[in-house]
Amino acid sequence: KNAISIIFGLALCFAGGAYLTVFAAIEGFRKMGWERAYKDIMILYDAAKEVVVASETDDDQDEDRDGIADVDQISPDALLKRKMAVAMKAIKEPWIVQDAIGSLWSAYLA
């Protein structure tokens, strides 16, 4: 949270003539939607950690037992499909991730 406060302060320092407008917009967001946005960011962060762990596990697999990892032997298109499948399997509650993304998108548009 301290890093976000620092970024907020820097943004205000360099806002120039729009200082009051930027201040009002950021303060309004902090009062009305910050808590929800922070929870949503943490949901996405936790989901991303799960995907990274699953991807690293997938990187080590050698199903044909030839001594070379399977991800090093497939085409980029096949690798993309494989990693997307790994990511989708790693996220245990996709509806929560979907709600978090939707909420953050709404906050961004507001």
Foldseek 3Di string as FASTA:
>chain_A
DVVVVVVLVVCLVPVPPCNVVSVVLVVVCVVPPPVLLVVLVVVVVVLVVLLVVLVVVQQPDDPVPPPHRPLVVDDPVVNVVVSVVSSVVSRPDVVSNVVSVVSVVVSVVD
